[in-house]
Amino acid sequence: MIKRDKDVFIGQPIILLERDGTKRSGGITVVNDDEIKITIPLHPYTKKNSSEIHYKHAGGKRIPFVAPSGQYKKYAAECGFFLKPLNITSPVNIKTEFYMGTRRRVDLTNLNEAIHDILVENGVLSDDNALILVSTDGSRVYYDKKNPRTEIIITPADLTFEINAPKKGKNHSSRNTRA
């Protein structure tokens, strides 16, 4: 069972009206306690392609940093229209199928990173660390020129490891690791 906020209203699909008059739907569907489906009817974008260099000023110095592209920022903001905060806190597998509108090469890892960050930013997941987002089994990239989109299926997963706090009274840092 997926632990989530049960009081979140999951309504009818959201309809996206394209410029040419075609309609595409998206949103969240809770199939049952063991499966949540999300459809985002937008062309997927990654954070890392076309990154922008920005500068921040600190202590009289101009320090460069890399920021996601404007295209990604727009995509992330538009994804929010199709997502609701579920605050998932239990271990899950996120199977994501990216349907690209072009045949350009794309990096699945970067697409997964982008969508996981978007799910956290919009409160679907409470965090994307390995205690909650355990696996991405089944994720794929497909080509669909007429209907680019992202389809996400969230299912429960077994926790693969636990983080244990050091035991009180034991000093683990005193071990000598040198020969």
Foldseek 3Di string as FASTA:
>chain_A
DWDWPPPDDFDDWDWDQDPVGDIDTWAWDPPDPFKIKTKFQDAFDFQPPPWDWDWDDDPNDTHIDTGGDPVLVVVLVSSLVRYAATATDAAKAKAKEWAHLDPDDDDQVRSVVSVQVSCCVRNNYVHCDCRHHVYHPNHDYHYDNVTTIMMIMIGHDDRPDDDDDDDPPDDPVPDDPDD
